[in-house]
mmCIF file of all heavy atoms, coordinates in Angstrom:
data_MODEL
# 
_entry.id   MODEL 
# 
loop_
_atom_site.group_PDB 
_atom_site.id 
_atom_site.type_symbol 
_atom_site.label_atom_id 
_atom_site.label_alt_id 
_atom_site.label_comp_id 
_atom_site.label_asym_id 
_atom_site.label_entity_id 
_atom_site.label_seq_id 
_atom_site.pdbx_PDB_ins_code 
_atom_site.Cartn_x 
_atom_site.Cartn_y 
_atom_site.Cartn_z 
_atom_site.occupancy 
_atom_site.B_iso_or_equiv 
_atom_site.pdbx_formal_charge 
_atom_site.auth_seq_id 
_atom_site.auth_comp_id 
_atom_site.auth_asym_id 
_atom_site.auth_atom_id 
_atom_site.pdbx_PDB_model_num 
ATOM 1   N N   . ASN A 1 1  ? 133.133 68.983 214.122 1.00 0.00 ? 1  ASN A N   1 
ATOM 2   C CA  . ASN A 1 1  ? 133.136 68.606 212.688 1.00 0.00 ? 1  ASN A CA  1 
ATOM 3   C C   . ASN A 1 1  ? 134.334 69.247 211.953 1.00 0.00 ? 1  ASN A C   1 
ATOM 4   O O   . ASN A 1 1  ? 134.971 68.600 211.155 1.00 0.00 ? 1  ASN A O   1 
ATOM 5   C CB  . ASN A 1 1  ? 131.838 68.926 212.003 1.00 0.00 ? 1  ASN A CB  1 
ATOM 6   C CG  . ASN A 1 1  ? 130.689 68.034 212.463 1.00 0.00 ? 1  ASN A CG  1 
ATOM 7   O OD1 . ASN A 1 1  ? 130.944 66.912 212.899 1.00 0.00 ? 1  ASN A OD1 1 
ATOM 8   N ND2 . ASN A 1 1  ? 129.472 68.533 212.292 1.00 0.00 ? 1  ASN A ND2 1 
ATOM 9   N N   . PHE A 1 2  ? 134.544 70.562 212.212 1.00 0.00 ? 2  PHE A N   1 
ATOM 10  C CA  . PHE A 1 2  ? 135.625 71.240 211.575 1.00 0.00 ? 2  PHE A CA  1 
ATOM 11  C C   . PHE A 1 2  ? 136.986 70.674 211.994 1.00 0.00 ? 2  PHE A C   1 
ATOM 12  O O   . PHE A 1 2  ? 137.875 70.476 211.161 1.00 0.00 ? 2  PHE A O   1 
ATOM 13  C CB  . PHE A 1 2  ? 135.633 72.759 211.814 1.00 0.00 ? 2  PHE A CB  1 
ATOM 14  C CG  . PHE A 1 2  ? 134.612 73.509 211.051 1.00 0.00 ? 2  PHE A CG  1 
ATOM 15  C CD1 . PHE A 1 2  ? 133.731 74.388 211.684 1.00 0.00 ? 2  PHE A CD1 1 
ATOM 16  C CD2 . PHE A 1 2  ? 134.504 73.381 209.640 1.00 0.00 ? 2  PHE A CD2 1 
ATOM 17  C CE1 . PHE A 1 2  ? 132.809 75.115 210.935 1.00 0.00 ? 2  PHE A CE1 1 
ATOM 18  C CE2 . PHE A 1 2  ? 133.549 74.078 208.954 1.00 0.00 ? 2  PHE A CE2 1 
ATOM 19  C CZ  . PHE A 1 2  ? 132.688 74.956 209.570 1.00 0.00 ? 2  PHE A CZ  1 
ATOM 20  N N   . ILE A 1 3  ? 137.139 70.343 213.264 1.00 0.00 ? 3  ILE A N   1 
ATOM 21  C CA  . ILE A 1 3  ? 138.408 69.845 213.741 1.00 0.00 ? 3  ILE A CA  1 
ATOM 22  C C   . ILE A 1 3  ? 138.636 68.484 213.089 1.00 0.00 ? 3  ILE A C   1 
ATOM 23  O O   . ILE A 1 3  ? 139.726 68.200 212.586 1.00 0.00 ? 3  ILE A O   1 
ATOM 24  C CB  . ILE A 1 3  ? 138.371 69.670 215.306 1.00 0.00 ? 3  ILE A CB  1 
ATOM 25  C CG1 . ILE A 1 3  ? 138.440 71.078 215.928 1.00 0.00 ? 3  ILE A CG1 1 
ATOM 26  C CG2 . ILE A 1 3  ? 139.544 68.826 215.776 1.00 0.00 ? 3  ILE A CG2 1 
ATOM 27  C CD1 . ILE A 1 3  ? 138.225 71.114 217.385 1.00 0.00 ? 3  ILE A CD1 1 
ATOM 28  N N   . GLU A 1 4  ? 137.629 67.553 213.013 1.00 0.00 ? 4  GLU A N   1 
ATOM 29  C CA  . GLU A 1 4  ? 137.749 66.289 212.426 1.00 0.00 ? 4  GLU A CA  1 
ATOM 30  C C   . GLU A 1 4  ? 138.113 66.418 210.908 1.00 0.00 ? 4  GLU A C   1 
ATOM 31  O O   . GLU A 1 4  ? 138.977 65.780 210.411 1.00 0.00 ? 4  GLU A O   1 
ATOM 32  C CB  . GLU A 1 4  ? 136.531 65.497 212.563 1.00 0.00 ? 4  GLU A CB  1 
ATOM 33  C CG  . GLU A 1 4  ? 136.327 65.012 213.971 1.00 0.00 ? 4  GLU A CG  1 
ATOM 34  C CD  . GLU A 1 4  ? 134.980 64.291 214.185 1.00 0.00 ? 4  GLU A CD  1 
ATOM 35  O OE1 . GLU A 1 4  ? 134.155 64.180 213.246 1.00 0.00 ? 4  GLU A OE1 1 
ATOM 36  O OE2 . GLU A 1 4  ? 134.737 63.766 215.312 1.00 0.00 ? 4  GLU A OE2 1 
ATOM 37  N N   . GLN A 1 5  ? 137.392 67.334 210.258 1.00 0.00 ? 5  GLN A N   1 
ATOM 38  C CA  . GLN A 1 5  ? 137.570 67.539 208.811 1.00 0.00 ? 5  GLN A CA  1 
ATOM 39  C C   . GLN A 1 5  ? 138.954 68.024 208.462 1.00 0.00 ? 5  GLN A C   1 
ATOM 40  O O   . GLN A 1 5  ? 139.645 67.458 207.606 1.00 0.00 ? 5  GLN A O   1 
ATOM 41  C CB  . GLN A 1 5  ? 136.540 68.542 208.344 1.00 0.00 ? 5  GLN A CB  1 
ATOM 42  C CG  . GLN A 1 5  ? 136.630 68.926 206.860 1.00 0.00 ? 5  GLN A CG  1 
ATOM 43  C CD  . GLN A 1 5  ? 135.596 69.973 206.449 1.00 0.00 ? 5  GLN A CD  1 
ATOM 44  O OE1 . GLN A 1 5  ? 134.804 70.395 207.289 1.00 0.00 ? 5  GLN A OE1 1 
ATOM 45  N NE2 . GLN A 1 5  ? 135.671 70.410 205.198 1.00 0.00 ? 5  GLN A NE2 1 
ATOM 46  N N   . TYR A 1 6  ? 139.422 69.109 209.182 1.00 0.00 ? 6  TYR A N   1 
ATOM 47  C CA  . TYR A 1 6  ? 140.719 69.648 208.796 1.00 0.00 ? 6  TYR A CA  1 
ATOM 48  C C   . TYR A 1 6  ? 141.933 68.796 209.278 1.00 0.00 ? 6  TYR A C   1 
ATOM 49  O O   . TYR A 1 6  ? 142.915 68.726 208.592 1.00 0.00 ? 6  TYR A O   1 
ATOM 50  C CB  . TYR A 1 6  ? 140.804 71.068 209.308 1.00 0.00 ? 6  TYR A CB  1 
ATOM 51  C CG  . TYR A 1 6  ? 139.972 71.999 208.473 1.00 0.00 ? 6  TYR A CG  1 
ATOM 52  C CD1 . TYR A 1 6  ? 138.708 72.411 208.843 1.00 0.00 ? 6  TYR A CD1 1 
ATOM 53  C CD2 . TYR A 1 6  ? 140.500 72.539 207.215 1.00 0.00 ? 6  TYR A CD2 1 
ATOM 54  C CE1 . TYR A 1 6  ? 137.969 73.258 208.022 1.00 0.00 ? 6  TYR A CE1 1 
ATOM 55  C CE2 . TYR A 1 6  ? 139.756 73.390 206.467 1.00 0.00 ? 6  TYR A CE2 1 
ATOM 56  C CZ  . TYR A 1 6  ? 138.475 73.760 206.855 1.00 0.00 ? 6  TYR A CZ  1 
ATOM 57  O OH  . TYR A 1 6  ? 137.810 74.631 206.089 1.00 0.00 ? 6  TYR A OH  1 
ATOM 58  N N   . THR A 1 7  ? 141.824 68.201 210.509 1.00 0.00 ? 7  THR A N   1 
ATOM 59  C CA  . THR A 1 7  ? 142.868 67.352 210.953 1.00 0.00 ? 7  THR A CA  1 
ATOM 60  C C   . THR A 1 7  ? 143.031 66.104 210.109 1.00 0.00 ? 7  THR A C   1 
ATOM 61  O O   . THR A 1 7  ? 144.116 65.607 209.910 1.00 0.00 ? 7  THR A O   1 
ATOM 62  C CB  . THR A 1 7  ? 142.745 67.023 212.450 1.00 0.00 ? 7  THR A CB  1 
ATOM 63  O OG1 . THR A 1 7  ? 141.487 66.329 212.679 1.00 0.00 ? 7  THR A OG1 1 
ATOM 64  C CG2 . THR A 1 7  ? 142.877 68.232 213.295 1.00 0.00 ? 7  THR A CG2 1 
ATOM 65  N N   . SER A 1 8  ? 141.942 65.597 209.536 1.00 0.00 ? 8  SER A N   1 
ATOM 66  C CA  . SER A 1 8  ? 141.989 64.460 208.680 1.00 0.00 ? 8  SER A CA  1 
ATOM 67  C C   . SER A 1 8  ? 142.737 64.785 207.363 1.00 0.00 ? 8  SER A C   1 
ATOM 68  O O   . SER A 1 8  ? 143.243 63.857 206.727 1.00 0.00 ? 8  SER A O   1 
ATOM 69  C CB  . SER A 1 8  ? 140.620 63.845 208.382 1.00 0.00 ? 8  SER A CB  1 
ATOM 70  O OG  . SER A 1 8  ? 139.830 64.700 207.548 1.00 0.00 ? 8  SER A OG  1 
ATOM 71  N N   . ARG A 1 9  ? 142.769 66.051 207.055 1.00 0.00 ? 9  ARG A N   1 
ATOM 72  C CA  . ARG A 1 9  ? 143.523 66.499 205.859 1.00 0.00 ? 9  ARG A CA  1 
ATOM 73  C C   . ARG A 1 9  ? 144.985 66.790 206.140 1.00 0.00 ? 9  ARG A C   1 
ATOM 74  O O   . ARG A 1 9  ? 145.734 67.206 205.286 1.00 0.00 ? 9  ARG A O   1 
ATOM 75  C CB  . ARG A 1 9  ? 142.874 67.776 205.287 1.00 0.00 ? 9  ARG A CB  1 
ATOM 76  C CG  . ARG A 1 9  ? 141.539 67.637 204.813 1.00 0.00 ? 9  ARG A CG  1 
ATOM 77  C CD  . ARG A 1 9  ? 141.072 68.954 204.208 1.00 0.00 ? 9  ARG A CD  1 
ATOM 78  N NE  . ARG A 1 9  ? 139.667 68.967 203.890 1.00 0.00 ? 9  ARG A NE  1 
ATOM 79  C CZ  . ARG A 1 9  ? 138.957 70.042 203.621 1.00 0.00 ? 9  ARG A CZ  1 
ATOM 80  N NH1 . ARG A 1 9  ? 139.513 71.199 203.595 1.00 0.00 ? 9  ARG A NH1 1 
ATOM 81  N NH2 . ARG A 1 9  ? 137.680 69.989 203.353 1.00 0.00 ? 9  ARG A NH2 1 
ATOM 82  N N   . GLY A 1 10 ? 145.354 66.572 207.397 1.00 0.00 ? 10 GLY A N   1 
ATOM 83  C CA  . GLY A 1 10 ? 146.728 66.793 207.809 1.00 0.00 ? 10 GLY A CA  1 
ATOM 84  C C   . GLY A 1 10 ? 147.071 68.181 208.300 1.00 0.00 ? 10 GLY A C   1 
ATOM 85  O O   . GLY A 1 10 ? 148.188 68.485 208.666 1.00 0.00 ? 10 GLY A O   1 
ATOM 86  N N   . LEU A 1 11 ? 146.031 68.966 208.542 1.00 0.00 ? 11 LEU A N   1 
ATOM 87  C CA  . LEU A 1 11 ? 146.249 70.326 209.119 1.00 0.00 ? 11 LEU A CA  1 
ATOM 88  C C   . LEU A 1 11 ? 146.300 70.242 210.611 1.00 0.00 ? 11 LEU A C   1 
ATOM 89  O O   . LEU A 1 11 ? 145.722 69.322 211.242 1.00 0.00 ? 11 LEU A O   1 
ATOM 90  C CB  . LEU A 1 11 ? 145.124 71.209 208.687 1.00 0.00 ? 11 LEU A CB  1 
ATOM 91  C CG  . LEU A 1 11 ? 144.978 71.580 207.190 1.00 0.00 ? 11 LEU A CG  1 
ATOM 92  C CD1 . LEU A 1 11 ? 143.825 72.386 206.941 1.00 0.00 ? 11 LEU A CD1 1 
ATOM 93  C CD2 . LEU A 1 11 ? 146.228 72.253 206.710 1.00 0.00 ? 11 LEU A CD2 1 
ATOM 94  N N   . ILE A 1 12 ? 146.989 71.147 211.213 1.00 0.00 ? 12 ILE A N   1 
ATOM 95  C CA  . ILE A 1 12 ? 147.166 71.088 212.626 1.00 0.00 ? 12 ILE A CA  1 
ATOM 96  C C   . ILE A 1 12 ? 146.393 72.290 213.283 1.00 0.00 ? 12 ILE A C   1 
ATOM 97  O O   . ILE A 1 12 ? 146.420 73.425 212.791 1.00 0.00 ? 12 ILE A O   1 
ATOM 98  C CB  . ILE A 1 12 ? 148.695 71.365 212.983 1.00 0.00 ? 12 ILE A CB  1 
ATOM 99  C CG1 . ILE A 1 12 ? 149.513 70.193 212.364 1.00 0.00 ? 12 ILE A CG1 1 
ATOM 100 C CG2 . ILE A 1 12 ? 148.918 71.458 214.497 1.00 0.00 ? 12 ILE A CG2 1 
ATOM 101 C CD1 . ILE A 1 12 ? 150.948 70.530 212.363 1.00 0.00 ? 12 ILE A CD1 1 
ATOM 102 N N   . LEU A 1 13 ? 145.631 71.994 214.333 1.00 0.00 ? 13 LEU A N   1 
ATOM 103 C CA  . LEU A 1 13 ? 144.913 73.038 215.004 1.00 0.00 ? 13 LEU A CA  1 
ATOM 104 C C   . LEU A 1 13 ? 145.853 73.918 215.774 1.00 0.00 ? 13 LEU A C   1 
ATOM 105 O O   . LEU A 1 13 ? 146.521 73.501 216.745 1.00 0.00 ? 13 LEU A O   1 
ATOM 106 C CB  . LEU A 1 13 ? 143.871 72.382 215.980 1.00 0.00 ? 13 LEU A CB  1 
ATOM 107 C CG  . LEU A 1 13 ? 143.028 73.366 216.780 1.00 0.00 ? 13 LEU A CG  1 
ATOM 108 C CD1 . LEU A 1 13 ? 142.197 74.234 215.831 1.00 0.00 ? 13 LEU A CD1 1 
ATOM 109 C CD2 . LEU A 1 13 ? 142.160 72.575 217.785 1.00 0.00 ? 13 LEU A CD2 1 
ATOM 110 N N   . LYS A 1 14 ? 145.951 75.201 215.392 1.00 0.00 ? 14 LYS A N   1 
ATOM 111 C CA  . LYS A 1 14 ? 146.886 76.103 216.048 1.00 0.00 ? 14 LYS A CA  1 
ATOM 112 C C   . LYS A 1 14 ? 146.161 76.995 217.100 1.00 0.00 ? 14 LYS A C   1 
ATOM 113 O O   . LYS A 1 14 ? 146.790 77.453 218.027 1.00 0.00 ? 14 LYS A O   1 
ATOM 114 C CB  . LYS A 1 14 ? 147.529 77.049 214.971 1.00 0.00 ? 14 LYS A CB  1 
ATOM 115 C CG  . LYS A 1 14 ? 148.434 76.326 214.045 1.00 0.00 ? 14 LYS A CG  1 
ATOM 116 C CD  . LYS A 1 14 ? 149.737 76.003 214.754 1.00 0.00 ? 14 LYS A CD  1 
ATOM 117 C CE  . LYS A 1 14 ? 150.755 75.481 213.776 1.00 0.00 ? 14 LYS A CE  1 
ATOM 118 N NZ  . LYS A 1 14 ? 152.018 75.276 214.359 1.00 0.00 ? 14 LYS A NZ  1 
ATOM 119 N N   . GLU A 1 15 ? 144.879 77.261 216.905 1.00 0.00 ? 15 GLU A N   1 
ATOM 120 C CA  . GLU A 1 15 ? 144.153 78.158 217.789 1.00 0.00 ? 15 GLU A CA  1 
ATOM 121 C C   . GLU A 1 15 ? 142.695 77.815 217.864 1.00 0.00 ? 15 GLU A C   1 
ATOM 122 O O   . GLU A 1 15 ? 142.116 77.491 216.805 1.00 0.00 ? 15 GLU A O   1 
ATOM 123 C CB  . GLU A 1 15 ? 144.312 79.604 217.344 1.00 0.00 ? 15 GLU A CB  1 
ATOM 124 C CG  . GLU A 1 15 ? 143.786 80.660 218.240 1.00 0.00 ? 15 GLU A CG  1 
ATOM 125 C CD  . GLU A 1 15 ? 144.031 82.080 217.747 1.00 0.00 ? 15 GLU A CD  1 
ATOM 126 O OE1 . GLU A 1 15 ? 144.842 82.310 216.784 1.00 0.00 ? 15 GLU A OE1 1 
ATOM 127 O OE2 . GLU A 1 15 ? 143.453 83.006 218.402 1.00 0.00 ? 15 GLU A OE2 1 
ATOM 128 N N   . ASP A 1 16 ? 142.159 77.810 219.040 1.00 0.00 ? 16 ASP A N   1 
ATOM 129 C CA  . ASP A 1 16 ? 140.752 77.522 219.268 1.00 0.00 ? 16 ASP A CA  1 
ATOM 130 C C   . ASP A 1 16 ? 140.284 78.663 220.146 1.00 0.00 ? 16 ASP A C   1 
ATOM 131 O O   . ASP A 1 16 ? 140.436 78.660 221.341 1.00 0.00 ? 16 ASP A O   1 
ATOM 132 C CB  . ASP A 1 16 ? 140.599 76.191 219.965 1.00 0.00 ? 16 ASP A CB  1 
ATOM 133 C CG  . ASP A 1 16 ? 139.179 75.756 220.201 1.00 0.00 ? 16 ASP A CG  1 
ATOM 134 O OD1 . ASP A 1 16 ? 138.265 76.523 219.924 1.00 0.00 ? 16 ASP A OD1 1 
ATOM 135 O OD2 . ASP A 1 16 ? 138.987 74.612 220.619 1.00 0.00 ? 16 ASP A OD2 1 
ATOM 136 N N   . ALA A 1 17 ? 139.628 79.680 219.520 1.00 0.00 ? 17 ALA A N   1 
ATOM 137 C CA  . ALA A 1 17 ? 139.260 80.924 220.224 1.00 0.00 ? 17 ALA A CA  1 
ATOM 138 C C   . ALA A 1 17 ? 137.730 81.019 220.429 1.00 0.00 ? 17 ALA A C   1 
ATOM 139 O O   . ALA A 1 17 ? 136.987 80.731 219.542 1.00 0.00 ? 17 ALA A O   1 
ATOM 140 C CB  . ALA A 1 17 ? 139.744 82.128 219.482 1.00 0.00 ? 17 ALA A CB  1 
ATOM 141 N N   . ILE A 1 18 ? 137.418 81.454 221.613 1.00 0.00 ? 18 ILE A N   1 
ATOM 142 C CA  . ILE A 1 18 ? 136.009 81.769 221.988 1.00 0.00 ? 18 ILE A CA  1 
ATOM 143 C C   . ILE A 1 18 ? 136.061 83.179 222.530 1.00 0.00 ? 18 ILE A C   1 
ATOM 144 O O   . ILE A 1 18 ? 136.439 83.430 223.674 1.00 0.00 ? 18 ILE A O   1 
ATOM 145 C CB  . ILE A 1 18 ? 135.433 80.759 222.987 1.00 0.00 ? 18 ILE A CB  1 
ATOM 146 C CG1 . ILE A 1 18 ? 135.472 79.362 222.438 1.00 0.00 ? 18 ILE A CG1 1 
ATOM 147 C CG2 . ILE A 1 18 ? 133.964 81.196 223.340 1.00 0.00 ? 18 ILE A CG2 1 
ATOM 148 C CD1 . ILE A 1 18 ? 135.006 78.286 223.417 1.00 0.00 ? 18 ILE A CD1 1 
ATOM 149 N N   . LEU A 1 19 ? 135.570 84.060 221.715 1.00 0.00 ? 19 LEU A N   1 
ATOM 150 C CA  . LEU A 1 19 ? 135.529 85.521 222.072 1.00 0.00 ? 19 LEU A CA  1 
ATOM 151 C C   . LEU A 1 19 ? 134.085 85.896 222.284 1.00 0.00 ? 19 LEU A C   1 
ATOM 152 O O   . LEU A 1 19 ? 133.164 85.121 222.084 1.00 0.00 ? 19 LEU A O   1 
ATOM 153 C CB  . LEU A 1 19 ? 136.129 86.354 220.967 1.00 0.00 ? 19 LEU A CB  1 
ATOM 154 C CG  . LEU A 1 19 ? 137.526 85.933 220.457 1.00 0.00 ? 19 LEU A CG  1 
ATOM 155 C CD1 . LEU A 1 19 ? 137.962 86.789 219.329 1.00 0.00 ? 19 LEU A CD1 1 
ATOM 156 C CD2 . LEU A 1 19 ? 138.484 86.055 221.588 1.00 0.00 ? 19 LEU A CD2 1 
ATOM 157 N N   . ILE A 1 20 ? 133.901 87.110 222.726 1.00 0.00 ? 20 ILE A N   1 
ATOM 158 C CA  . ILE A 1 20 ? 132.476 87.605 222.999 1.00 0.00 ? 20 ILE A CA  1 
ATOM 159 C C   . ILE A 1 20 ? 131.649 87.488 221.763 1.00 0.00 ? 20 ILE A C   1 
ATOM 160 O O   . ILE A 1 20 ? 130.481 87.091 221.789 1.00 0.00 ? 20 ILE A O   1 
ATOM 161 C CB  . ILE A 1 20 ? 132.532 88.997 223.587 1.00 0.00 ? 20 ILE A CB  1 
ATOM 162 C CG1 . ILE A 1 20 ? 133.200 88.971 224.948 1.00 0.00 ? 20 ILE A CG1 1 
ATOM 163 C CG2 . ILE A 1 20 ? 131.131 89.576 223.689 1.00 0.00 ? 20 ILE A CG2 1 
ATOM 164 C CD1 . ILE A 1 20 ? 133.470 90.343 225.598 1.00 0.00 ? 20 ILE A CD1 1 
ATOM 165 N N   . ASP A 1 21 ? 132.189 87.979 220.619 1.00 0.00 ? 21 ASP A N   1 
ATOM 166 C CA  . ASP A 1 21 ? 131.377 88.071 219.433 1.00 0.00 ? 21 ASP A CA  1 
ATOM 167 C C   . ASP A 1 21 ? 131.788 87.103 218.347 1.00 0.00 ? 21 ASP A C   1 
ATOM 168 O O   . ASP A 1 21 ? 131.272 87.188 217.206 1.00 0.00 ? 21 ASP A O   1 
ATOM 169 C CB  . ASP A 1 21 ? 131.454 89.494 218.871 1.00 0.00 ? 21 ASP A CB  1 
ATOM 170 C CG  . ASP A 1 21 ? 132.889 89.914 218.606 1.00 0.00 ? 21 ASP A CG  1 
ATOM 171 O OD1 . ASP A 1 21 ? 133.836 89.237 219.058 1.00 0.00 ? 21 ASP A OD1 1 
ATOM 172 O OD2 . ASP A 1 21 ? 133.143 90.905 217.839 1.00 0.00 ? 21 ASP A OD2 1 
ATOM 173 N N   . GLU A 1 22 ? 132.685 86.193 218.632 1.00 0.00 ? 22 GLU A N   1 
ATOM 174 C CA  . GLU A 1 22 ? 133.151 85.293 217.614 1.00 0.00 ? 22 GLU A CA  1 
ATOM 175 C C   . GLU A 1 22 ? 133.785 83.972 218.215 1.00 0.00 ? 22 GLU A C   1 
ATOM 176 O O   . GLU A 1 22 ? 134.407 84.059 219.215 1.00 0.00 ? 22 GLU A O   1 
ATOM 177 C CB  . GLU A 1 22 ? 134.214 85.991 216.808 1.00 0.00 ? 22 GLU A CB  1 
ATOM 178 C CG  . GLU A 1 22 ? 134.857 85.249 215.681 1.00 0.00 ? 22 GLU A CG  1 
ATOM 179 C CD  . GLU A 1 22 ? 135.866 86.039 214.891 1.00 0.00 ? 22 GLU A CD  1 
ATOM 180 O OE1 . GLU A 1 22 ? 136.525 86.999 215.508 1.00 0.00 ? 22 GLU A OE1 1 
ATOM 181 O OE2 . GLU A 1 22 ? 136.094 85.761 213.718 1.00 0.00 ? 22 GLU A OE2 1 
ATOM 182 N N   . LYS A 1 23 ? 133.558 82.866 217.533 1.00 0.00 ? 23 LYS A N   1 
ATOM 183 C CA  . LYS A 1 23 ? 134.188 81.614 217.870 1.00 0.00 ? 23 LYS A CA  1 
ATOM 184 C C   . LYS A 1 23 ? 134.894 81.122 216.595 1.00 0.00 ? 23 LYS A C   1 
ATOM 185 O O   . LYS A 1 23 ? 134.241 81.118 215.540 1.00 0.00 ? 23 LYS A O   1 
ATOM 186 C CB  . LYS A 1 23 ? 133.152 80.561 218.287 1.00 0.00 ? 23 LYS A CB  1 
ATOM 187 C CG  . LYS A 1 23 ? 132.449 80.863 219.489 1.00 0.00 ? 23 LYS A CG  1 
ATOM 188 C CD  . LYS A 1 23 ? 131.471 79.758 219.844 1.00 0.00 ? 23 LYS A CD  1 
ATOM 189 C CE  . LYS A 1 23 ? 130.604 80.055 220.985 1.00 0.00 ? 23 LYS A CE  1 
ATOM 190 N NZ  . LYS A 1 23 ? 129.582 78.994 221.225 1.00 0.00 ? 23 LYS A NZ  1 
ATOM 191 N N   . TYR A 1 24 ? 136.196 80.787 216.676 1.00 0.00 ? 24 TYR A N   1 
ATOM 192 C CA  . TYR A 1 24 ? 136.869 80.331 215.470 1.00 0.00 ? 24 TYR A CA  1 
ATOM 193 C C   . TYR A 1 24 ? 138.000 79.425 215.768 1.00 0.00 ? 24 TYR A C   1 
ATOM 194 O O   . TYR A 1 24 ? 138.480 79.295 216.888 1.00 0.00 ? 24 TYR A O   1 
ATOM 195 C CB  . TYR A 1 24 ? 137.352 81.541 214.650 1.00 0.00 ? 24 TYR A CB  1 
ATOM 196 C CG  . TYR A 1 24 ? 138.503 82.366 215.372 1.00 0.00 ? 24 TYR A CG  1 
ATOM 197 C CD1 . TYR A 1 24 ? 139.763 82.043 215.248 1.00 0.00 ? 24 TYR A CD1 1 
ATOM 198 C CD2 . TYR A 1 24 ? 138.118 83.444 216.136 1.00 0.00 ? 24 TYR A CD2 1 
ATOM 199 C CE1 . TYR A 1 24 ? 140.782 82.789 215.809 1.00 0.00 ? 24 TYR A CE1 1 
ATOM 200 C CE2 . TYR A 1 24 ? 139.115 84.209 216.756 1.00 0.00 ? 24 TYR A CE2 1 
ATOM 201 C CZ  . TYR A 1 24 ? 140.456 83.888 216.609 1.00 0.00 ? 24 TYR A CZ  1 
ATOM 202 O OH  . TYR A 1 24 ? 141.436 84.613 217.225 1.00 0.00 ? 24 TYR A OH  1 
ATOM 203 N N   . LEU A 1 25 ? 138.377 78.664 214.801 1.00 0.00 ? 25 LEU A N   1 
ATOM 204 C CA  . LEU A 1 25 ? 139.510 77.748 214.769 1.00 0.00 ? 25 LEU A CA  1 
ATOM 205 C C   . LEU A 1 25 ? 140.539 78.243 213.721 1.00 0.00 ? 25 LEU A C   1 
ATOM 206 O O   . LEU A 1 25 ? 140.135 78.728 212.700 1.00 0.00 ? 25 LEU A O   1 
ATOM 207 C CB  . LEU A 1 25 ? 139.043 76.333 214.472 1.00 0.00 ? 25 LEU A CB  1 
ATOM 208 C CG  . LEU A 1 25 ? 137.926 75.751 215.344 1.00 0.00 ? 25 LEU A CG  1 
ATOM 209 C CD1 . LEU A 1 25 ? 137.367 74.497 214.686 1.00 0.00 ? 25 LEU A CD1 1 
ATOM 210 C CD2 . LEU A 1 25 ? 138.424 75.492 216.735 1.00 0.00 ? 25 LEU A CD2 1 
# 
């Protein structure tokens, strides 16, 4: 949902991180 939402606004996904204690874009 976040990827669809932000890319539809023209933003570019720069990082897709999955860490032990955190997941973030």
